[in-house]
Amino acid sequence: MTSLIFYGIKFNIVHKNSGMISVVAGSNEASTLAISLNEYLPFDKNSKIQYTRSNFKINENIPILDGASALYPVFSAIASAIYPEESVCFDGKKFTEESKVQMSNTRGAYKSVVDGTSDIVFCAAPSKEQLLYAEQNNVELEFVPIGLEAFVFIVNVNNPVTDLSVNQIKGIYSGKIENWKKLGGENCLIAAWQRKEGSGSQTAFLNFMNGEKTLTNPIGILIGKPIGYSFRYYVEGITRNEKVKMISLNGIPPVKENIQNGKYPLSSYFYAVYRKDNKNANVKNVIDWILSPEGQGIIENNGYVPLGK
């Protein structure tokens, strides 16, 4: 549910799929955008993850892994490659307390690593609030880049707009551009959807806006044709919604080659994050393995972009 204030009147609107995939696709169904844990379970023969068992093994002092939903396939595949199968416990709906793999999304993962209930979390860069929470708890976090991802903007596949400049996107979200016609599209209002505060994609969006104030046009949200944003793999690899397309930025499409070589304007690292005061030596051992050719192969084979050579 999202709330809008228009001339002092508060409107509550069902935030379909966090205002992203289904809304942009034009769906009338209200459903969640959450990834299905069952589809990417570690060790499961029907899992969508890609991995091979490594000769490198972690059999004791096993670090607890957690992270963002968009990166769940990555750390699920990592655990499957180097952890014992019995270290992961799933009750059919969620990972149990004793499981060495958890999945609590970006906000939950950053809290868990600060609180010490997880050892390594896999996330995009943190929000100011997440960094503040660490500071308030006297915790210093270490951020190790382990792969690359693209922050992307998405529209309905039937939208004739295929490319926008960075300035045009900022114009949309700052309220300066309200109609698709000004961007080469139809004569129709723009519904500029945002995500929940503290999510990885919302943090990336706010970093993209770089302090510029965002304005919501409630009429556009109600009747306009939408634009949204997420991370490339979430759109392309997890949701795979054929009614949605990613648009190019400044004429550069968000394909793997352009992400790895830095040509796509919104390419960024994703991280393995841990507390600097973590005494478990296997935290560093796991991360060193992730940075090895074998670990980077896991990242690439699961549809993400490995670090450049």
Protein backbone atom coordinates (compact mmCIF):
# COMPACT_ATOMS: atom_id res chain seq x y z
CA MET A 1 0.00 0.00 0.00
CA THR A 2 1.28 3.44 -0.85
CA SER A 3 -0.19 6.72 0.36
CA LEU A 4 -0.39 9.93 -1.62
CA ILE A 5 -1.25 13.41 -0.39
CA PHE A 6 -3.05 15.56 -2.96
CA TYR A 7 -4.47 18.94 -1.97
CA GLY A 8 -4.54 17.78 1.64
CA ILE A 9 -6.45 14.58 0.84
CA LYS A 10 -4.78 11.26 1.56
CA PHE A 11 -5.23 8.51 -1.00
CA ASN A 12 -4.32 4.90 -0.29
CA ILE A 13 -3.41 2.89 -3.37
CA VAL A 14 -2.61 -0.79 -3.57
CA HIS A 15 1.11 -0.93 -4.35
CA LYS A 16 0.97 -3.86 -6.79
CA ASN A 17 4.26 -5.74 -6.78
CA SER A 18 5.89 -2.87 -4.94
CA GLY A 19 4.84 -0.65 -7.83
CA MET A 20 7.24 -2.32 -10.19
CA ILE A 21 6.86 -5.43 -12.29
CA SER A 22 3.10 -6.02 -12.34
CA VAL A 23 2.17 -2.35 -12.35
CA VAL A 24 4.55 -1.63 -15.19
CA ALA A 25 3.26 -4.69 -17.00
CA GLY A 26 -0.27 -3.39 -16.68
CA SER A 27 -1.49 -6.22 -14.48
CA ASN A 28 -4.64 -5.69 -12.41
CA GLU A 29 -3.59 -8.27 -9.86
CA ALA A 30 -2.15 -7.22 -6.52
CA SER A 31 0.65 -9.64 -5.69
CA THR A 32 4.05 -9.47 -4.06
CA LEU A 33 7.35 -9.00 -5.81
CA ALA A 34 9.10 -11.30 -3.36
CA ILE A 35 11.28 -14.04 -4.78
CA SER A 36 10.10 -17.60 -4.19
CA LEU A 37 12.51 -19.24 -1.75
CA ASN A 38 11.48 -22.69 -3.01
CA GLU A 39 12.63 -21.99 -6.56
CA TYR A 40 16.24 -21.21 -5.61
CA LEU A 41 16.86 -23.50 -2.65
CA PRO A 42 20.42 -24.69 -1.98
CA PHE A 43 21.07 -28.35 -2.90
CA ASP A 44 17.53 -28.91 -4.23
CA LYS A 45 17.49 -30.97 -7.43
CA ASN A 46 14.68 -28.78 -8.81
CA SER A 47 16.40 -25.51 -7.89
CA LYS A 48 17.00 -22.90 -10.57
CA ILE A 49 20.50 -22.15 -9.26
CA GLN A 50 23.60 -23.29 -11.14
CA TYR A 51 26.55 -24.69 -9.19
CA THR A 52 29.08 -27.49 -8.97
CA ARG A 53 30.49 -28.86 -5.74
CA SER A 54 33.89 -27.33 -5.03
CA ASN A 55 36.98 -29.02 -3.62
CA PHE A 56 37.07 -26.07 -1.25
CA LYS A 57 34.82 -26.98 1.68
CA ILE A 58 33.60 -25.25 4.83
CA ASN A 59 32.65 -27.96 7.31
CA GLU A 60 32.99 -26.22 10.67
CA ASN A 61 32.51 -22.68 11.98
CA ILE A 62 30.20 -22.23 9.01
CA PRO A 63 29.37 -18.53 8.40
CA ILE A 64 25.67 -17.68 8.25
CA LEU A 65 24.74 -16.17 4.87
CA ASP A 66 21.90 -13.71 4.29
CA GLY A 67 21.13 -11.01 1.79
CA ALA A 68 18.91 -9.18 -0.64
CA SER A 69 16.22 -11.05 -2.51
CA ALA A 70 17.77 -10.02 -5.84
CA LEU A 71 21.00 -11.77 -4.77
CA TYR A 72 19.44 -14.85 -3.17
CA PRO A 73 20.36 -17.10 -6.14
CA VAL A 74 24.01 -16.05 -5.71
CA PHE A 75 24.44 -16.94 -2.05
CA SER A 76 22.23 -20.02 -2.41
CA ALA A 77 24.59 -21.27 -5.15
CA ILE A 78 27.65 -20.36 -3.05
CA ALA A 79 26.34 -22.38 -0.11
CA SER A 80 25.53 -25.29 -2.41
CA ALA A 81 29.08 -25.29 -3.75
CA ILE A 82 31.03 -25.18 -0.48
CA TYR A 83 28.73 -25.95 2.49
CA PRO A 84 27.57 -29.36 3.74
CA GLU A 85 23.98 -30.05 2.75
CA GLU A 86 22.89 -30.59 6.34
CA SER A 87 23.91 -27.01 7.19
CA VAL A 88 20.86 -25.64 5.37
CA CYS A 89 17.44 -26.21 6.95
CA PHE A 90 14.21 -25.21 5.20
CA ASP A 91 10.80 -26.09 6.62
CA GLY A 92 8.86 -25.64 3.40
CA LYS A 93 8.14 -21.95 3.96
CA LYS A 94 11.26 -20.41 5.47
CA PHE A 95 14.79 -21.16 6.59
CA THR A 96 14.86 -22.35 10.18
CA GLU A 97 16.85 -20.61 12.92
CA GLU A 98 19.69 -23.13 12.77
CA SER A 99 20.10 -22.86 8.99
CA LYS A 100 23.37 -21.39 7.72
CA VAL A 101 21.47 -19.77 4.84
CA GLN A 102 18.81 -17.15 5.57
CA MET A 103 16.97 -14.69 3.32
CA SER A 104 15.62 -11.57 4.99
CA ASN A 105 15.93 -9.01 2.14
CA THR A 106 18.16 -5.94 2.12
CA ARG A 107 16.79 -4.21 5.22
CA GLY A 108 16.71 -7.39 7.28
CA ALA A 109 20.13 -8.51 6.09
CA TYR A 110 21.87 -5.26 7.01
CA LYS A 111 20.23 -5.40 10.44
CA SER A 112 21.25 -9.03 10.90
CA VAL A 113 24.92 -8.44 10.11
CA VAL A 114 25.07 -5.47 12.48
CA ASP A 115 23.26 -7.45 15.19
CA GLY A 116 25.61 -10.38 14.67
CA THR A 117 22.93 -12.91 13.70
CA SER A 118 24.43 -13.26 10.21
CA ASP A 119 28.12 -13.40 9.28
CA ILE A 120 28.10 -12.42 5.59
CA VAL A 121 25.32 -10.60 3.80
CA PHE A 122 25.05 -10.10 0.05
CA CYS A 123 23.62 -6.70 -0.86
CA ALA A 124 23.88 -3.57 -2.92
CA ALA A 125 25.31 -0.47 -1.25
CA PRO A 126 23.58 0.45 2.03
CA SER A 127 21.26 3.34 2.68
CA LYS A 128 22.18 6.20 5.02
CA GLU A 129 19.83 4.72 7.61
CA GLN A 130 21.54 1.33 7.41
CA LEU A 131 24.95 2.92 7.86
CA LEU A 132 23.59 4.96 10.75
CA TYR A 133 22.26 1.81 12.43
CA ALA A 134 25.75 0.31 12.27
CA GLU A 135 27.28 3.49 13.66
CA GLN A 136 24.76 3.66 16.51
CA ASN A 137 25.68 0.10 17.45
CA ASN A 138 29.42 0.82 17.24
CA VAL A 139 29.82 -1.64 14.39
CA GLU A 140 32.21 -1.14 11.48
CA LEU A 141 31.28 -2.99 8.33
CA GLU A 142 33.59 -4.26 5.61
CA PHE A 143 32.29 -4.11 2.02
CA VAL A 144 33.95 -6.45 -0.47
CA PRO A 145 32.87 -6.09 -4.14
CA ILE A 146 32.14 -9.56 -5.54
CA GLY A 147 30.23 -8.78 -8.73
CA LEU A 148 28.57 -6.14 -10.86
CA GLU A 149 24.97 -5.28 -11.47
CA ALA A 150 22.96 -2.65 -13.31
CA PHE A 151 20.25 -0.45 -11.90
CA VAL A 152 17.59 -0.36 -14.60
CA PHE A 153 14.39 1.45 -15.47
CA ILE A 154 11.47 -0.54 -16.80
CA VAL A 155 8.32 0.20 -18.75
CA ASN A 156 5.52 -1.79 -20.34
CA VAL A 157 6.72 -3.68 -23.39
CA ASN A 158 4.17 -1.81 -25.55
CA ASN A 159 5.51 1.58 -24.53
CA PRO A 160 7.21 2.99 -27.67
CA VAL A 161 9.93 4.63 -25.55
CA THR A 162 13.07 2.48 -25.61
CA ASP A 163 15.76 4.95 -24.52
CA LEU A 164 15.95 7.86 -22.09
CA SER A 165 18.76 10.05 -20.92
CA VAL A 166 19.76 10.26 -17.28
CA ASN A 167 18.47 13.83 -17.23
CA GLN A 168 15.12 12.77 -18.66
CA ILE A 169 14.73 10.12 -15.95
CA LYS A 170 15.52 12.71 -13.29
CA GLY A 171 13.03 15.03 -14.97
CA ILE A 172 10.33 12.40 -14.64
CA TYR A 173 10.95 11.74 -10.96
CA SER A 174 11.42 15.40 -10.05
CA GLY A 175 8.03 16.21 -11.61
CA LYS A 176 9.42 18.31 -14.44
CA ILE A 177 8.30 15.82 -17.11
CA GLU A 178 4.77 14.48 -16.62
CA ASN A 179 3.74 13.25 -20.05
CA TRP A 180 5.21 10.48 -22.21
CA LYS A 181 4.62 12.62 -25.31
CA LYS A 182 7.55 14.83 -24.31
CA LEU A 183 9.78 11.75 -24.47
CA GLY A 184 8.62 10.44 -27.83
CA GLY A 185 5.81 8.32 -26.43
CA GLU A 186 2.05 8.53 -26.34
CA ASN A 187 0.08 11.53 -25.13
CA CYS A 188 -0.37 10.06 -21.68
CA LEU A 189 0.58 10.94 -18.11
CA ILE A 190 3.57 9.19 -16.56
CA ALA A 191 3.10 7.08 -13.44
CA ALA A 192 6.50 7.29 -11.74
CA TRP A 193 6.55 4.46 -9.22
CA GLN A 194 9.01 4.18 -6.35
CA ARG A 195 9.98 1.37 -3.98
CA LYS A 196 9.88 0.91 -0.22
CA GLU A 197 12.37 2.88 1.85
CA GLY A 198 15.43 0.83 2.77
CA SER A 199 15.17 -1.64 -0.11
CA GLY A 200 18.29 -2.01 -2.21
CA SER A 201 16.61 -0.62 -5.30
CA GLN A 202 15.20 2.39 -3.44
CA THR A 203 18.65 3.18 -2.04
CA ALA A 204 20.10 2.93 -5.56
CA PHE A 205 17.33 5.21 -6.84
CA LEU A 206 17.98 7.86 -4.19
CA ASN A 207 21.70 7.71 -4.97
CA PHE A 208 20.82 8.16 -8.64
CA MET A 209 18.71 11.24 -7.84
CA ASN A 210 21.67 12.60 -5.83
CA GLY A 211 19.62 14.71 -3.45
CA GLU A 212 17.21 16.07 -6.07
CA LYS A 213 13.69 16.24 -4.63
CA THR A 214 11.20 13.74 -6.02
CA LEU A 215 7.59 14.67 -6.65
CA THR A 216 4.69 12.26 -7.07
CA ASN A 217 1.87 13.13 -9.45
CA PRO A 218 -1.12 11.29 -7.88
CA ILE A 219 -3.22 11.66 -11.02
CA GLY A 220 -0.40 10.11 -13.04
CA ILE A 221 -0.13 7.23 -10.57
CA LEU A 222 -3.87 6.61 -10.86
CA ILE A 223 -4.33 6.81 -14.63
CA GLY A 224 -0.89 7.18 -16.21
CA LYS A 225 1.37 4.66 -17.91
CA PRO A 226 4.13 3.63 -15.52
CA ILE A 227 7.84 3.58 -15.24
CA GLY A 228 9.63 1.72 -12.48
CA TYR A 229 13.08 0.52 -11.53
CA SER A 230 14.91 -2.46 -10.14
CA PHE A 231 18.15 -4.36 -10.68
CA ARG A 232 18.75 -6.00 -14.04
CA TYR A 233 18.91 -9.57 -12.77
CA TYR A 234 15.70 -9.22 -10.78
CA VAL A 235 13.88 -8.18 -13.95
CA GLU A 236 15.69 -10.43 -16.42
CA GLY A 237 16.54 -13.47 -14.33
CA ILE A 238 14.00 -13.78 -11.53
CA THR A 239 10.66 -12.27 -12.58
CA ARG A 240 11.10 -12.79 -16.33
CA ASN A 241 7.94 -10.86 -17.09
CA GLU A 242 7.47 -10.70 -20.85
CA LYS A 243 5.22 -7.65 -20.49
CA VAL A 244 8.10 -5.57 -19.17
CA LYS A 245 11.16 -4.20 -20.94
CA MET A 246 14.29 -2.50 -19.69
CA ILE A 247 15.12 0.75 -21.42
CA SER A 248 18.52 2.01 -22.49
CA LEU A 249 20.13 4.96 -20.72
CA ASN A 250 21.96 7.55 -22.80
CA GLY A 251 21.71 5.09 -25.69
CA ILE A 252 23.45 2.28 -23.77
CA PRO A 253 21.45 -0.91 -23.09
CA PRO A 254 22.00 -2.72 -19.74
CA VAL A 255 23.56 -5.86 -21.19
CA LYS A 256 26.36 -7.77 -19.44
CA GLU A 257 29.16 -6.45 -21.66
CA ASN A 258 28.16 -2.83 -21.05
CA ILE A 259 27.88 -3.46 -17.32
CA GLN A 260 31.30 -5.07 -17.02
CA ASN A 261 33.11 -2.48 -19.14
CA GLY A 262 31.38 0.40 -17.37
CA LYS A 263 29.65 1.85 -20.44
CA TYR A 264 26.17 1.50 -18.96
CA PRO A 265 25.73 4.64 -16.79
CA LEU A 266 24.27 2.89 -13.74
CA SER A 267 26.58 -0.07 -13.30
CA SER A 268 27.58 -0.75 -9.71
CA TYR A 269 29.10 -3.37 -7.46
CA PHE A 270 27.23 -5.71 -5.20
CA TYR A 271 29.00 -6.72 -2.02
CA ALA A 272 29.75 -9.36 0.52
CA VAL A 273 29.39 -7.45 3.78
CA TYR A 274 30.64 -8.49 7.21
CA ARG A 275 31.52 -7.00 10.56
CA LYS A 276 35.19 -6.08 10.85
CA ASP A 277 35.25 -7.51 14.36
CA ASN A 278 33.92 -10.92 13.28
CA LYS A 279 36.29 -13.52 14.78
CA ASN A 280 35.26 -16.37 12.49
CA ALA A 281 38.26 -16.96 10.19
CA ASN A 282 36.01 -18.71 7.68
CA VAL A 283 34.29 -15.42 6.85
CA LYS A 284 37.42 -14.29 5.02
CA ASN A 285 37.99 -17.79 3.63
CA VAL A 286 34.52 -17.83 2.05
CA ILE A 287 34.96 -14.37 0.54
CA ASP A 288 38.42 -15.22 -0.80
CA TRP A 289 36.87 -18.24 -2.51
CA ILE A 290 34.08 -16.08 -3.99
CA LEU A 291 36.76 -13.85 -5.50
CA SER A 292 38.59 -16.84 -6.98
CA PRO A 293 37.97 -17.92 -10.60
CA GLU A 294 35.74 -20.73 -9.32
CA GLY A 295 33.67 -18.39 -7.17
CA GLN A 296 33.38 -15.80 -9.93
CA GLY A 297 32.22 -18.61 -12.20
CA ILE A 298 29.35 -19.29 -9.80
CA ILE A 299 28.34 -15.64 -10.06
CA GLU A 300 28.50 -15.65 -13.86
CA ASN A 301 26.76 -19.02 -14.28
CA ASN A 302 23.82 -17.76 -12.26
CA GLY A 303 23.23 -14.83 -14.59
CA TYR A 304 25.10 -12.07 -12.75
CA VAL A 305 28.11 -10.12 -13.94
CA PRO A 306 31.48 -11.14 -12.48
CA LEU A 307 34.21 -8.66 -11.68
CA GLY A 308 36.33 -7.59 -14.65
CA LYS A 309 39.51 -9.41 -15.45
